[in-house]
Amino acid sequence: MTDEVKTAGYAYYLDLTQDPSEISVRAFTGNVVSDGPRFHRLSARPRVYELSFQCPGLTCASLFRPGLVVHGLIVGNSSTEMIVESSAETVAQTNERTVKRTVEVVHLGNALTSSSGMQISECELLGGTLRQHLVSLGLL
């Protein structure tokens, strides 16, 4: 945890109302804040890194550590909400109750760990997972 990580080259800005050839690359940098929660939006429920920045969408863009070592694959965002204060008020004449809550929300990016990404992604073109293909080529 707390490894500095970066991602870039995805989540392009494309405004079709303007010049359609105008595309800008976005890049994000931050830290791994948790390594190990399960990602329940994929049926395999792989482990993910939670990141200190939000990442646009399910892009599978690479997540890099310093030295451009692939650390994981971007799969989306999550948020956690916690009530930090709550108060209730009841109007005597109408018996109407109003509850006010103050919440804190943490927004985090999610990235599959490199090993999880290679294990769960079946690819018809490769004839199996990325890991199986790399093993068959003698690269792993």
C-alpha atoms as a PDB file:
ATOM      1  CA  MET A   1       0.000   0.000   0.000  1.00  0.00           C
ATOM      2  CA  THR A   2       0.909   3.672  -0.509  1.00  0.00           C
ATOM      3  CA  ASP A   3       2.833   2.827  -3.711  1.00  0.00           C
ATOM      4  CA  GLU A   4       2.758   5.741  -6.123  1.00  0.00           C
ATOM      5  CA  VAL A   5       0.933   4.710  -9.303  1.00  0.00           C
ATOM      6  CA  LYS A   6       0.059   6.332 -12.626  1.00  0.00           C
ATOM      7  CA  THR A   7      -2.227   5.658 -15.552  1.00  0.00           C
ATOM      8  CA  ALA A   8      -2.535   7.394 -18.909  1.00  0.00           C
ATOM      9  CA  GLY A   9      -3.607   7.011 -22.509  1.00  0.00           C
ATOM     10  CA  TYR A  10      -7.293   6.302 -22.012  1.00  0.00           C
ATOM     11  CA  ALA A  11     -10.478   8.173 -21.209  1.00  0.00           C
ATOM     12  CA  TYR A  12      -9.966  10.384 -24.212  1.00  0.00           C
ATOM     13  CA  TYR A  13     -11.737  13.693 -24.501  1.00  0.00           C
ATOM     14  CA  LEU A  14     -13.679  13.733 -27.747  1.00  0.00           C
ATOM     15  CA  ASP A  15     -16.207  16.483 -28.442  1.00  0.00           C
ATOM     16  CA  LEU A  16     -18.059  15.726 -31.669  1.00  0.00           C
ATOM     17  CA  THR A  17     -19.679  19.185 -31.631  1.00  0.00           C
ATOM     18  CA  GLN A  18     -16.205  20.650 -32.145  1.00  0.00           C
ATOM     19  CA  ASP A  19     -13.339  19.439 -34.330  1.00  0.00           C
ATOM     20  CA  PRO A  20     -13.791  15.621 -34.432  1.00  0.00           C
ATOM     21  CA  SER A  21     -10.048  15.131 -34.822  1.00  0.00           C
ATOM     22  CA  GLU A  22      -9.378  16.831 -31.486  1.00  0.00           C
ATOM     23  CA  ILE A  23      -8.573  14.105 -28.971  1.00  0.00           C
ATOM     24  CA  SER A  24      -6.772  14.687 -25.695  1.00  0.00           C
ATOM     25  CA  VAL A  25      -5.153  12.038 -23.540  1.00  0.00           C
ATOM     26  CA  ARG A  26      -5.895  12.046 -19.822  1.00  0.00           C
ATOM     27  CA  ALA A  27      -3.494  10.885 -17.140  1.00  0.00           C
ATOM     28  CA  PHE A  28      -3.930  10.285 -13.422  1.00  0.00           C
ATOM     29  CA  THR A  29      -1.477   9.819 -10.579  1.00  0.00           C
ATOM     30  CA  GLY A  30      -1.975   8.858  -6.962  1.00  0.00           C
ATOM     31  CA  ASN A  31      -1.432   6.045  -4.520  1.00  0.00           C
ATOM     32  CA  VAL A  32      -2.653   2.550  -3.753  1.00  0.00           C
ATOM     33  CA  VAL A  33      -4.756   2.990  -0.601  1.00  0.00           C
ATOM     34  CA  SER A  34      -5.895  -0.626  -0.197  1.00  0.00           C
ATOM     35  CA  ASP A  35      -4.861  -3.887  -1.786  1.00  0.00           C
ATOM     36  CA  GLY A  36      -7.172  -6.785  -1.495  1.00  0.00           C
ATOM     37  CA  PRO A  37     -10.904  -6.027  -1.483  1.00  0.00           C
ATOM     38  CA  ARG A  38     -13.000  -8.123  -3.851  1.00  0.00           C
ATOM     39  CA  PHE A  39     -14.492  -6.516  -6.971  1.00  0.00           C
ATOM     40  CA  HIS A  40     -18.113  -7.702  -6.984  1.00  0.00           C
ATOM     41  CA  ARG A  41     -19.033  -6.268 -10.390  1.00  0.00           C
ATOM     42  CA  LEU A  42     -17.143  -9.112 -12.108  1.00  0.00           C
ATOM     43  CA  SER A  43     -18.436 -12.654 -11.564  1.00  0.00           C
ATOM     44  CA  ALA A  44     -14.971 -13.980 -10.650  1.00  0.00           C
ATOM     45  CA  ARG A  45     -14.829 -11.431  -7.771  1.00  0.00           C
ATOM     46  CA  PRO A  46     -11.108 -10.762  -8.262  1.00  0.00           C
ATOM     47  CA  ARG A  47      -9.002  -8.762  -5.840  1.00  0.00           C
ATOM     48  CA  VAL A  48      -8.424  -5.101  -6.698  1.00  0.00           C
ATOM     49  CA  TYR A  49      -6.285  -2.197  -5.656  1.00  0.00           C
ATOM     50  CA  GLU A  50      -8.212   0.814  -4.390  1.00  0.00           C
ATOM     51  CA  LEU A  51      -6.644   4.023  -5.691  1.00  0.00           C
ATOM     52  CA  SER A  52      -6.577   7.551  -4.289  1.00  0.00           C
ATOM     53  CA  PHE A  53      -8.032   8.925  -7.549  1.00  0.00           C
ATOM     54  CA  GLN A  54     -11.141   8.197  -9.592  1.00  0.00           C
ATOM     55  CA  CYS A  55     -10.682   6.544 -12.970  1.00  0.00           C
ATOM     56  CA  PRO A  56     -13.204   6.962 -15.780  1.00  0.00           C
ATOM     57  CA  GLY A  57     -14.991   3.701 -16.471  1.00  0.00           C
ATOM     58  CA  LEU A  58     -14.087   0.109 -17.228  1.00  0.00           C
ATOM     59  CA  THR A  59     -11.122   0.798 -19.488  1.00  0.00           C
ATOM     60  CA  CYS A  60      -8.569  -1.869 -18.526  1.00  0.00           C
ATOM     61  CA  ALA A  61      -5.898   0.807 -18.971  1.00  0.00           C
ATOM     62  CA  SER A  62      -2.599  -0.142 -17.363  1.00  0.00           C
ATOM     63  CA  LEU A  63      -1.732   1.013 -13.876  1.00  0.00           C
ATOM     64  CA  PHE A  64       2.002   1.669 -13.552  1.00  0.00           C
ATOM     65  CA  ARG A  65       4.429   1.915 -10.662  1.00  0.00           C
ATOM     66  CA  PRO A  66       7.581   4.056 -10.981  1.00  0.00           C
ATOM     67  CA  GLY A  67       9.816   2.650 -13.701  1.00  0.00           C
ATOM     68  CA  LEU A  68       6.736   1.839 -15.812  1.00  0.00           C
ATOM     69  CA  VAL A  69       6.191  -1.566 -14.208  1.00  0.00           C
ATOM     70  CA  VAL A  70       2.607  -2.719 -14.884  1.00  0.00           C
ATOM     71  CA  HIS A  71       0.879  -2.999 -11.546  1.00  0.00           C
ATOM     72  CA  GLY A  72      -2.752  -3.588 -12.581  1.00  0.00           C
ATOM     73  CA  LEU A  73      -5.649  -2.834 -14.927  1.00  0.00           C
ATOM     74  CA  ILE A  74      -8.185  -0.026 -14.355  1.00  0.00           C
ATOM     75  CA  VAL A  75     -11.720  -1.387 -13.949  1.00  0.00           C
ATOM     76  CA  GLY A  76     -13.728   1.494 -12.492  1.00  0.00           C
ATOM     77  CA  ASN A  77     -14.606   3.369  -9.328  1.00  0.00           C
ATOM     78  CA  SER A  78     -16.264   2.792  -6.003  1.00  0.00           C
ATOM     79  CA  SER A  79     -17.528   4.980  -3.209  1.00  0.00           C
ATOM     80  CA  THR A  80     -18.050   4.394   0.487  1.00  0.00           C
ATOM     81  CA  GLU A  81     -20.457   6.488   2.519  1.00  0.00           C
ATOM     82  CA  MET A  82     -20.400   6.953   6.295  1.00  0.00           C
ATOM     83  CA  ILE A  83     -22.861   8.884   8.453  1.00  0.00           C
ATOM     84  CA  VAL A  84     -20.913  11.314  10.640  1.00  0.00           C
ATOM     85  CA  GLU A  85     -23.864  13.160  12.218  1.00  0.00           C
ATOM     86  CA  SER A  86     -27.577  12.539  12.472  1.00  0.00           C
ATOM     87  CA  SER A  87     -30.379  14.541  14.072  1.00  0.00           C
ATOM     88  CA  ALA A  88     -34.146  14.177  14.135  1.00  0.00           C
ATOM     89  CA  GLU A  89     -36.872  16.731  14.727  1.00  0.00           C
ATOM     90  CA  THR A  90     -40.594  16.066  15.225  1.00  0.00           C
ATOM     91  CA  VAL A  91     -43.261  18.767  14.780  1.00  0.00           C
ATOM     92  CA  ALA A  92     -45.693  18.338  17.684  1.00  0.00           C
ATOM     93  CA  GLN A  93     -48.873  19.479  15.898  1.00  0.00           C
ATOM     94  CA  THR A  94     -48.478  17.223  12.829  1.00  0.00           C
ATOM     95  CA  ASN A  95     -46.255  14.524  14.303  1.00  0.00           C
ATOM     96  CA  GLU A  96     -44.127  14.954  11.177  1.00  0.00           C
ATOM     97  CA  ARG A  97     -40.547  13.807  11.662  1.00  0.00           C
ATOM     98  CA  THR A  98     -37.550  15.198   9.793  1.00  0.00           C
ATOM     99  CA  VAL A  99     -34.192  13.439   9.902  1.00  0.00           C
ATOM    100  CA  LYS A 100     -31.023  15.224   8.833  1.00  0.00           C
ATOM    101  CA  ARG A 101     -27.826  13.309   8.196  1.00  0.00           C
ATOM    102  CA  THR A 102     -24.348  14.478   7.348  1.00  0.00           C
ATOM    103  CA  VAL A 103     -22.283  11.950   5.453  1.00  0.00           C
ATOM    104  CA  GLU A 104     -18.710  11.648   4.289  1.00  0.00           C
ATOM    105  CA  VAL A 105     -18.117   9.923   0.978  1.00  0.00           C
ATOM    106  CA  VAL A 106     -14.809   8.475  -0.168  1.00  0.00           C
ATOM    107  CA  HIS A 107     -14.448   8.080  -3.942  1.00  0.00           C
ATOM    108  CA  LEU A 108     -11.760   5.643  -5.067  1.00  0.00           C
ATOM    109  CA  GLY A 109     -10.528   4.166  -8.317  1.00  0.00           C
ATOM    110  CA  ASN A 110     -10.325   0.399  -8.723  1.00  0.00           C
ATOM    111  CA  ALA A 111      -7.690  -1.611 -10.573  1.00  0.00           C
ATOM    112  CA  LEU A 112      -7.406  -5.369 -10.915  1.00  0.00           C
ATOM    113  CA  THR A 113      -4.113  -6.697  -9.701  1.00  0.00           C
ATOM    114  CA  SER A 114      -1.969  -7.764 -12.673  1.00  0.00           C
ATOM    115  CA  SER A 115      -2.237 -11.437 -11.755  1.00  0.00           C
ATOM    116  CA  SER A 116      -6.038 -11.256 -11.354  1.00  0.00           C
ATOM    117  CA  GLY A 117      -6.399  -9.490 -14.701  1.00  0.00           C
ATOM    118  CA  MET A 118      -4.438 -12.173 -16.495  1.00  0.00           C
ATOM    119  CA  GLN A 119      -6.394 -15.001 -14.862  1.00  0.00           C
ATOM    120  CA  ILE A 120      -9.985 -13.869 -15.414  1.00  0.00           C
ATOM    121  CA  SER A 121      -9.965 -12.339 -18.880  1.00  0.00           C
ATOM    122  CA  GLU A 122     -10.952 -15.037 -21.379  1.00  0.00           C
ATOM    123  CA  CYS A 123     -10.003 -13.978 -24.888  1.00  0.00           C
ATOM    124  CA  GLU A 124     -11.326 -15.856 -27.907  1.00  0.00           C
ATOM    125  CA  LEU A 125      -8.479 -14.598 -30.096  1.00  0.00           C
ATOM    126  CA  LEU A 126      -5.862 -15.954 -27.660  1.00  0.00           C
ATOM    127  CA  GLY A 127      -7.773 -19.160 -26.962  1.00  0.00           C
ATOM    128  CA  GLY A 128      -7.947 -18.649 -23.193  1.00  0.00           C
ATOM    129  CA  THR A 129      -6.744 -16.200 -20.592  1.00  0.00           C
ATOM    130  CA  LEU A 130      -3.851 -13.815 -21.118  1.00  0.00           C
ATOM    131  CA  ARG A 131      -1.871 -15.793 -18.528  1.00  0.00           C
ATOM    132  CA  GLN A 132      -2.395 -19.065 -20.430  1.00  0.00           C
ATOM    133  CA  HIS A 133      -1.247 -17.417 -23.652  1.00  0.00           C
ATOM    134  CA  LEU A 134       1.899 -15.938 -22.081  1.00  0.00           C
ATOM    135  CA  VAL A 135       2.739 -19.320 -20.508  1.00  0.00           C
ATOM    136  CA  SER A 136       2.288 -21.061 -23.889  1.00  0.00           C
ATOM    137  CA  LEU A 137       4.795 -18.604 -25.395  1.00  0.00           C
ATOM    138  CA  GLY A 138       7.256 -19.265 -22.571  1.00  0.00           C
ATOM    139  CA  LEU A 139       7.029 -15.682 -21.348  1.00  0.00           C
ATOM    140  CA  LEU A 140       5.776 -16.588 -17.868  1.00  0.00           C
END
